[in-house]
Amino acid sequence: MPDLLDIVGQDAVLAQLQRVAAGGRRPHACLFAGPEGVGRRTTAIELARWLLCERPASRPNGRRLGELPAEFPLAQGCGACASCATVEAGTHPDLHVVRKELAKYHDDAAVRDRKMQALGIDVIRQFLIEPAHRASGGGRGKVFVVLEAELMSGDAQSALLKTLEEPPPDVTIVLVCVRPDDLLPTTRSRCQIVRFAPLPAAFIVERLTGDGVAEAEARFWAALTGGSLGRSRRLAAADLYGFKRELVNLLAGPPAGVSAKLAPMLFRAMEARAKALVAETKGLAGTVASRRASELLLALVGSVYRDGLRAACGAGGEVVHADQQPAVGRIADRFGPDGLAEILTHLSRYEQLIWRNVNAKLLWDNVAVTCASAAALPV
C-alpha cells in the first residue's frame, strides 16, 4: 500500500502538508493545482487516508524532506487498520471522490440523461454539499476530493462557497485542478492553494522504460507532456509513437505532400483517438472526445514547429523531438524564424477554435495549408 510519504517528486507539497499536520489543524479546504499526471489525485487520496486513519502514525523526518528539520514529525496513515484498507480499496464510506460523471447516478432522471461537459450544481449538491452535513460513518470526519474542479459551473461554485468557507467539523474538501485561474476568485480565496510541480524528465523516463517503453520514445513523451507521468503513461499505452514519427517526417517532406496528406491523416487520427477515449472513459460524450483528441494532435503538430523555431534561432535547451532532429532541421531551414512564428500563431488560434463547434474537416484543412505554406485560411 502506498503512503503519503511515498509520493515522489513533490517534496515541497509534502512539506507544506506536514507543516499543517504538525500544527494540529485539520485542513478544511485545499486547492491542489498543477499539471495533469504529477500526483495531485494520489496525494489527495493519501491525505484522506491519513485523515481517516484509525491509528495515524508519526516518525521523525530524518532526510526524507529536505525543507524540514531532521527531527520534524511526519504524519502518515498506519496502513494496517480497516480504514486504511477501505481507502486503498476505494470503498471507504467517508471518502467521496466527486467528478462530473456522477451525474449518471443522480436521483433526478433528467440529470442522469444529460451529456455532462461541466461539473454542475446538481452533482455538487447531491454528492458533496448534502453528504458533508451528514454524520461520518467512521467517526473521523469526511474527505471530499473534487476531480477536474475547474469544470465546475459558476452556479456549482456559488452553491459550494458556504461549505468551503464554513465546512462542518472534521470535513476536508480538496479541489483538484490544472489551472486555478479557471475557478472563480471567490472559490480560490476560500482554499489553501497547494501547487504541484512538473516531475523531472529523468524520473518519467525511468518509469516508462520500467514499463517496457523504449528509451527514445520515453524521452519524447516526457518532453511532450511537460513532466506528467500520468499523461506520459497513457499516451505511451495508446501506441501513438509510430504515428508521431510519421507525422514529423511528413511535415519535413515536400510542401505538396503536406498539402495533400496532412488533413486526412489528422482527421483519421482524431477519429481513432476519440473512439479510444470514449471506450476508456465511462460517460464521455463523443463530441468532447473528438475535441480532446484534436487538442492532442494540435499539440503534437505545434511541438514540431516549436522545436523548429528553437533550431532556427540557435536556442539551446531540451527539444521534444530529439529522436528526429534532422527532420526538424529541414523544417527550420524551410521556414526560418519568421515563418515558424507565423505557423505557431495560426496553430494557437486553431486550438482556441476546437471548442467552438468548428467543422473538424475544415479545421484540419486549415492546419494543412498553414503547415505547408505558413498561411491561414478563414475558418
Protein backbone atom coordinates (compact mmCIF):
# COMPACT_ATOMS: atom_id res chain seq x y z
CA MET A 1 0.00 0.00 0.00
CA PRO A 2 1.46 3.41 -0.91
CA ASP A 3 1.73 6.15 1.65
CA LEU A 4 1.63 9.94 1.71
CA LEU A 5 5.42 9.92 2.19
CA ASP A 6 5.94 7.57 -0.77
CA ILE A 7 4.90 10.24 -3.28
CA VAL A 8 7.87 11.12 -5.49
CA GLY A 9 8.83 14.47 -6.98
CA GLN A 10 6.57 16.65 -4.81
CA ASP A 11 8.62 17.22 -1.66
CA ALA A 12 7.59 20.89 -1.41
CA VAL A 13 3.93 19.82 -1.41
CA LEU A 14 4.55 17.15 1.23
CA ALA A 15 6.44 19.64 3.41
CA GLN A 16 3.54 22.11 3.18
CA LEU A 17 1.02 19.44 4.19
CA GLN A 18 3.25 18.17 7.01
CA ARG A 19 3.52 21.67 8.47
CA VAL A 20 -0.28 21.82 8.57
CA ALA A 21 -0.40 18.41 10.23
CA ALA A 22 2.20 19.40 12.83
CA GLY A 23 0.12 22.45 13.73
CA GLY A 24 -2.70 20.18 14.82
CA ARG A 25 -5.10 21.80 12.37
CA ARG A 26 -7.20 19.71 10.05
CA PRO A 27 -7.21 21.38 6.61
CA HIS A 28 -10.77 22.31 5.69
CA ALA A 29 -10.40 23.36 2.04
CA CYS A 30 -7.39 22.84 -0.22
CA LEU A 31 -6.83 23.51 -3.89
CA PHE A 32 -4.35 21.07 -5.42
CA ALA A 33 -3.17 22.84 -8.57
CA GLY A 34 -0.69 21.67 -11.17
CA PRO A 35 -0.19 19.73 -14.39
CA GLU A 36 -2.17 16.58 -15.05
CA GLY A 37 -0.46 13.36 -14.04
CA VAL A 38 2.01 14.69 -11.45
CA GLY A 39 0.42 13.19 -8.32
CA ARG A 40 -2.38 15.60 -7.39
CA ARG A 41 -5.09 12.94 -7.15
CA THR A 42 -2.78 10.40 -5.49
CA THR A 43 -1.72 12.96 -2.89
CA ALA A 44 -5.35 13.87 -2.20
CA ILE A 45 -6.28 10.22 -1.64
CA GLU A 46 -3.25 9.60 0.58
CA LEU A 47 -4.03 12.75 2.56
CA ALA A 48 -7.52 11.33 3.05
CA ARG A 49 -6.07 8.01 4.18
CA TRP A 50 -4.07 9.78 6.89
CA LEU A 51 -7.02 11.96 8.00
CA LEU A 52 -9.36 8.96 8.22
CA CYS A 53 -6.85 6.51 9.71
CA GLU A 54 -7.86 4.86 13.00
CA ARG A 55 -4.27 4.86 14.29
CA PRO A 56 -2.39 7.67 12.49
CA ALA A 57 1.36 7.28 12.82
CA SER A 58 4.29 9.68 13.08
CA ARG A 59 8.02 9.34 12.57
CA PRO A 60 10.99 11.72 12.55
CA ASN A 61 11.73 13.30 9.18
CA GLY A 62 15.38 12.32 9.05
CA ARG A 63 16.41 13.05 5.46
CA ARG A 64 13.04 12.44 3.81
CA LEU A 65 12.04 16.09 3.26
CA GLY A 66 14.93 18.50 2.86
CA GLU A 67 12.80 21.55 3.69
CA LEU A 68 12.07 20.27 7.21
CA PRO A 69 14.39 19.65 10.19
CA ALA A 70 15.54 16.07 10.75
CA GLU A 71 13.52 15.79 13.97
CA PHE A 72 10.31 17.15 12.40
CA PRO A 73 7.43 14.67 13.00
CA LEU A 74 5.99 13.34 9.74
CA ALA A 75 2.35 12.24 9.84
CA GLN A 76 1.11 9.24 7.86
CA GLY A 77 -1.62 6.63 7.89
CA CYS A 78 -0.81 3.39 9.69
CA GLY A 79 -1.52 1.28 6.59
CA ALA A 80 -2.87 -1.57 8.70
CA CYS A 81 -6.28 -0.52 10.06
CA ALA A 82 -9.64 -1.18 8.44
CA SER A 83 -9.95 2.48 7.44
CA CYS A 84 -6.64 2.44 5.53
CA ALA A 85 -7.67 -0.79 3.80
CA THR A 86 -11.01 0.59 2.63
CA VAL A 87 -9.40 3.81 1.37
CA GLU A 88 -6.99 1.65 -0.61
CA ALA A 89 -9.92 -0.38 -1.98
CA GLY A 90 -11.89 2.76 -2.86
CA THR A 91 -14.82 1.76 -0.63
CA HIS A 92 -14.41 4.00 2.43
CA PRO A 93 -17.82 5.47 3.30
CA ASP A 94 -16.28 8.79 4.38
CA LEU A 95 -14.07 9.34 1.34
CA HIS A 96 -16.08 10.87 -1.51
CA VAL A 97 -14.46 11.33 -4.93
CA VAL A 98 -16.62 13.81 -6.84
CA ARG A 99 -16.47 14.01 -10.63
CA LYS A 100 -18.83 15.17 -13.35
CA GLU A 101 -19.61 11.56 -14.35
CA LEU A 102 -21.54 11.13 -11.08
CA ALA A 103 -24.43 12.78 -12.91
CA LYS A 104 -25.26 9.28 -14.21
CA TYR A 105 -26.09 8.25 -10.63
CA HIS A 106 -28.12 11.34 -9.67
CA ASP A 107 -31.55 10.89 -8.11
CA ASP A 108 -33.12 13.05 -10.83
CA ALA A 109 -33.63 11.19 -14.13
CA ALA A 110 -33.35 14.48 -16.05
CA VAL A 111 -29.82 14.95 -14.67
CA ARG A 112 -28.91 11.33 -15.42
CA ASP A 113 -29.91 11.74 -19.07
CA ARG A 114 -27.75 14.81 -19.72
CA LYS A 115 -24.40 14.70 -21.51
CA MET A 116 -22.22 16.30 -18.87
CA GLN A 117 -19.40 18.53 -20.09
CA ALA A 118 -19.33 20.57 -16.88
CA LEU A 119 -19.43 19.65 -13.22
CA GLY A 120 -22.86 21.06 -12.48
CA ILE A 121 -24.69 22.28 -9.44
CA ASP A 122 -26.88 19.14 -9.28
CA VAL A 123 -23.84 16.90 -8.82
CA ILE A 124 -22.17 19.24 -6.31
CA ARG A 125 -25.32 19.46 -4.20
CA GLN A 126 -26.12 15.73 -4.08
CA PHE A 127 -22.62 14.30 -3.86
CA LEU A 128 -20.79 16.96 -1.83
CA ILE A 129 -22.86 19.59 -0.05
CA GLU A 130 -25.57 17.26 1.27
CA PRO A 131 -23.31 14.40 2.47
CA ALA A 132 -20.87 16.91 4.01
CA HIS A 133 -23.57 17.81 6.51
CA ARG A 134 -24.35 14.21 7.49
CA ALA A 135 -22.54 12.35 10.26
CA SER A 136 -19.43 10.40 9.30
CA GLY A 137 -19.56 6.61 9.37
CA GLY A 138 -16.15 6.04 10.95
CA GLY A 139 -16.11 8.91 13.42
CA ARG A 140 -13.01 10.57 11.93
CA GLY A 141 -14.74 13.06 9.68
CA LYS A 142 -15.12 13.09 5.92
CA VAL A 143 -12.94 13.93 2.94
CA PHE A 144 -14.25 15.10 -0.44
CA VAL A 145 -11.91 15.07 -3.45
CA VAL A 146 -13.29 17.03 -6.41
CA LEU A 147 -11.59 15.98 -9.66
CA GLU A 148 -11.33 18.42 -12.60
CA ALA A 149 -12.60 21.15 -10.29
CA GLU A 150 -12.10 23.76 -13.00
CA LEU A 151 -15.08 22.18 -14.78
CA MET A 152 -17.42 23.31 -12.02
CA SER A 153 -20.08 25.65 -13.37
CA GLY A 154 -20.44 29.09 -11.89
CA ASP A 155 -23.66 28.03 -10.17
CA ALA A 156 -21.97 24.97 -8.70
CA GLN A 157 -19.12 27.07 -7.31
CA SER A 158 -21.51 29.62 -5.87
CA ALA A 159 -23.51 26.86 -4.16
CA LEU A 160 -20.29 25.43 -2.70
CA LEU A 161 -18.93 28.71 -1.27
CA LYS A 162 -20.56 28.49 2.16
CA THR A 163 -19.41 24.88 2.62
CA LEU A 164 -15.87 25.86 1.62
CA GLU A 165 -15.85 28.81 4.00
CA GLU A 166 -17.57 27.15 6.95
CA PRO A 167 -17.46 23.38 6.47
CA PRO A 168 -18.98 21.12 9.12
CA PRO A 169 -16.49 19.94 11.78
CA ASP A 170 -13.93 17.39 10.57
CA VAL A 171 -14.80 17.83 6.88
CA THR A 172 -11.97 18.36 4.41
CA ILE A 173 -12.58 19.36 0.79
CA VAL A 174 -9.80 19.03 -1.78
CA LEU A 175 -10.33 20.63 -5.18
CA VAL A 176 -8.02 19.14 -7.83
CA CYS A 177 -7.42 21.26 -10.92
CA VAL A 178 -4.87 22.15 -13.58
CA ARG A 179 -5.44 25.90 -13.81
CA PRO A 180 -6.65 27.61 -10.62
CA ASP A 181 -7.41 30.78 -12.59
CA ASP A 182 -10.27 28.88 -14.27
CA LEU A 183 -12.06 28.89 -10.91
CA LEU A 184 -13.93 31.89 -9.56
CA PRO A 185 -11.83 34.19 -7.35
CA THR A 186 -14.33 33.61 -4.53
CA THR A 187 -13.66 29.87 -4.75
CA ARG A 188 -9.88 30.26 -4.79
CA SER A 189 -9.89 32.66 -1.87
CA ARG A 190 -11.57 30.10 0.38
CA CYS A 191 -8.94 27.40 -0.25
CA GLN A 192 -5.37 26.84 0.79
CA ILE A 193 -3.56 26.55 -2.54
CA VAL A 194 -1.07 23.69 -2.85
CA ARG A 195 0.97 23.91 -6.05
CA PHE A 196 2.31 20.74 -7.69
CA ALA A 197 5.38 20.97 -9.92
CA PRO A 198 6.10 19.02 -13.13
CA LEU A 199 8.03 15.82 -12.46
CA PRO A 200 11.67 15.58 -13.57
CA ALA A 201 12.05 14.18 -17.09
CA ALA A 202 14.61 11.62 -15.87
CA PHE A 203 12.09 10.25 -13.37
CA ILE A 204 9.43 9.85 -16.07
CA VAL A 205 11.90 8.18 -18.45
CA GLU A 206 12.90 5.76 -15.71
CA ARG A 207 9.28 4.82 -15.00
CA LEU A 208 8.37 4.45 -18.68
CA THR A 209 11.38 2.32 -19.52
CA GLY A 210 10.49 0.24 -16.48
CA ASP A 211 7.08 -0.26 -18.13
CA GLY A 212 8.85 -1.59 -21.24
CA VAL A 213 8.84 1.61 -23.33
CA ALA A 214 11.95 2.18 -25.46
CA GLU A 215 14.17 4.96 -24.15
CA ALA A 216 13.84 7.26 -27.18
CA GLU A 217 10.06 7.05 -27.01
CA ALA A 218 10.12 7.54 -23.23
CA ARG A 219 12.18 10.73 -23.62
CA PHE A 220 9.75 12.00 -26.23
CA TRP A 221 6.66 11.52 -24.04
CA ALA A 222 8.41 13.01 -21.00
CA ALA A 223 9.25 16.14 -23.01
CA LEU A 224 5.88 16.45 -24.75
CA THR A 225 3.83 16.18 -21.55
CA GLY A 226 5.98 18.68 -19.67
CA GLY A 227 6.66 16.43 -16.70
CA SER A 228 3.39 14.48 -16.40
CA LEU A 229 3.92 10.82 -15.62
CA GLY A 230 0.21 10.03 -15.86
CA ARG A 231 -0.20 11.52 -19.33
CA SER A 232 3.08 10.01 -20.50
CA ARG A 233 1.95 6.55 -19.48
CA ARG A 234 -1.48 6.92 -21.08
CA LEU A 235 -0.08 8.21 -24.36
CA ALA A 236 2.64 5.56 -24.50
CA ALA A 237 -0.02 2.90 -23.88
CA ALA A 238 -2.12 4.37 -26.71
CA ASP A 239 0.56 3.31 -29.20
CA LEU A 240 0.86 6.78 -30.77
CA TYR A 241 4.62 6.91 -31.15
CA GLY A 242 4.66 5.43 -34.66
CA PHE A 243 2.05 8.00 -35.71
CA LYS A 244 4.15 10.82 -34.26
CA ARG A 245 7.22 9.73 -36.23
CA GLU A 246 5.20 9.51 -39.43
CA LEU A 247 3.76 12.97 -38.73
CA VAL A 248 7.17 14.60 -38.25
CA ASN A 249 8.53 13.01 -41.43
CA LEU A 250 5.51 14.22 -43.41
CA LEU A 251 5.86 17.79 -42.08
CA ALA A 252 9.53 17.77 -43.04
CA GLY A 253 8.79 16.49 -46.56
CA PRO A 254 7.78 18.37 -49.70
CA PRO A 255 5.06 21.04 -49.19
CA ALA A 256 2.89 19.37 -51.84
CA GLY A 257 2.81 16.21 -49.73
CA VAL A 258 1.88 18.20 -46.63
CA SER A 259 -0.98 19.90 -48.51
CA ALA A 260 -2.34 16.61 -49.87
CA LYS A 261 -1.80 14.19 -46.99
CA LEU A 262 -1.79 16.04 -43.67
CA ALA A 263 -5.50 16.86 -43.28
CA PRO A 264 -6.76 13.30 -44.00
CA MET A 265 -4.05 11.89 -41.74
CA LEU A 266 -5.02 14.14 -38.83
CA PHE A 267 -8.75 13.60 -39.33
CA ARG A 268 -8.35 9.81 -39.24
CA ALA A 269 -6.13 10.06 -36.16
CA MET A 270 -8.68 12.30 -34.44
CA GLU A 271 -11.48 9.80 -35.08
CA ALA A 272 -9.40 6.86 -33.86
CA ARG A 273 -8.22 8.64 -30.72
CA ALA A 274 -11.73 9.92 -29.93
CA LYS A 275 -13.11 6.39 -30.24
CA ALA A 276 -10.44 5.13 -27.85
CA LEU A 277 -11.21 7.91 -25.34
CA VAL A 278 -14.91 7.06 -25.36
CA ALA A 279 -14.05 3.42 -24.68
CA GLU A 280 -11.64 4.37 -21.88
CA THR A 281 -13.82 6.99 -20.14
CA LYS A 282 -17.26 5.99 -18.99
CA GLY A 283 -19.90 8.54 -19.94
CA LEU A 284 -17.62 10.71 -22.09
CA ALA A 285 -19.55 12.39 -24.90
CA GLY A 286 -18.30 11.75 -28.42
CA THR A 287 -18.03 15.47 -29.18
CA VAL A 288 -15.89 16.04 -26.10
CA ALA A 289 -13.70 13.07 -27.02
CA SER A 290 -13.17 14.47 -30.52
CA ARG A 291 -12.16 17.83 -29.12
CA ARG A 292 -9.74 16.28 -26.64
CA ALA A 293 -8.24 14.20 -29.42
CA SER A 294 -7.90 17.33 -31.56
CA GLU A 295 -6.12 19.13 -28.72
CA LEU A 296 -3.58 16.34 -28.51
CA LEU A 297 -2.98 16.32 -32.26
CA LEU A 298 -2.56 20.08 -32.44
CA ALA A 299 -0.16 19.88 -29.51
CA LEU A 300 1.86 17.30 -31.44
CA VAL A 301 1.95 19.47 -34.55
CA GLY A 302 2.81 22.58 -32.57
CA SER A 303 5.66 20.85 -30.76
CA VAL A 304 7.33 20.11 -34.10
CA TYR A 305 7.32 23.76 -35.13
CA ARG A 306 8.42 24.94 -31.68
CA ASP A 307 11.41 22.63 -31.97
CA GLY A 308 11.97 24.05 -35.46
CA LEU A 309 11.88 27.60 -34.09
CA ARG A 310 14.48 26.69 -31.48
CA ALA A 311 16.71 25.27 -34.18
CA ALA A 312 16.21 28.25 -36.49
CA CYS A 313 17.10 30.71 -33.71
CA GLY A 314 20.00 28.65 -32.38
CA ALA A 315 18.34 28.43 -28.98
CA GLY A 316 19.52 25.84 -26.52
CA GLY A 317 17.53 23.73 -24.13
CA GLU A 318 15.73 20.42 -24.37
CA VAL A 319 13.74 19.69 -27.52
CA VAL A 320 10.70 17.44 -27.75
CA HIS A 321 11.62 15.61 -30.96
CA ALA A 322 15.24 14.82 -30.15
CA ASP A 323 14.76 11.48 -31.91
CA GLN A 324 14.05 13.22 -35.25
CA GLN A 325 16.37 16.22 -35.23
CA PRO A 326 17.33 16.02 -38.93
CA ALA A 327 13.66 16.29 -39.90
CA VAL A 328 13.17 19.22 -37.51
CA GLY A 329 16.24 20.87 -39.04
CA ARG A 330 14.72 20.66 -42.52
CA ILE A 331 11.57 22.38 -41.24
CA ALA A 332 13.69 25.10 -39.62
CA ASP A 333 15.62 25.70 -42.85
CA ARG A 334 12.44 25.83 -44.95
CA PHE A 335 10.54 28.46 -42.96
CA GLY A 336 13.11 30.34 -40.88
CA PRO A 337 12.22 32.07 -37.58
CA ASP A 338 9.56 34.39 -39.02
CA GLY A 339 7.70 31.67 -40.90
CA LEU A 340 7.77 29.32 -37.92
CA ALA A 341 6.45 32.03 -35.60
CA GLU A 342 3.63 32.66 -38.10
CA ILE A 343 2.73 28.97 -38.17
CA LEU A 344 2.66 28.76 -34.37
CA THR A 345 0.41 31.82 -34.20
CA HIS A 346 -2.11 30.18 -36.54
CA LEU A 347 -1.94 26.86 -34.68
CA SER A 348 -2.65 28.66 -31.41
CA ARG A 349 -5.79 30.15 -32.97
CA TYR A 350 -6.90 26.72 -34.17
CA GLU A 351 -6.53 25.41 -30.61
CA GLN A 352 -8.98 28.05 -29.45
CA LEU A 353 -11.44 27.10 -32.19
CA ILE A 354 -11.57 23.43 -31.21
CA TRP A 355 -14.16 24.11 -28.51
CA ARG A 356 -16.25 26.47 -30.65
CA ASN A 357 -18.09 23.90 -32.76
CA VAL A 358 -15.88 24.34 -35.84
CA ASN A 359 -16.23 21.67 -38.52
CA ALA A 360 -13.38 19.23 -37.96
CA LYS A 361 -12.57 18.64 -41.63
CA LEU A 362 -12.40 22.38 -42.24
CA LEU A 363 -10.13 22.79 -39.23
CA TRP A 364 -7.67 20.14 -40.43
CA ASP A 365 -7.73 21.58 -43.96
CA ASN A 366 -6.63 24.90 -42.48
CA VAL A 367 -3.92 23.20 -40.44
CA ALA A 368 -2.58 21.53 -43.61
CA VAL A 369 -2.45 24.84 -45.51
CA THR A 370 -0.70 26.53 -42.60
CA CYS A 371 1.88 23.76 -42.19
CA ALA A 372 2.61 23.67 -45.92
CA SER A 373 2.92 27.41 -46.51
CA ALA A 374 2.77 29.35 -43.20
CA ALA A 375 -0.52 30.83 -44.43
CA ALA A 376 -4.00 30.54 -43.00
CA LEU A 377 -7.49 30.32 -44.44
CA PRO A 378 -10.55 31.75 -42.68
CA VAL A 379 -12.21 29.08 -40.55
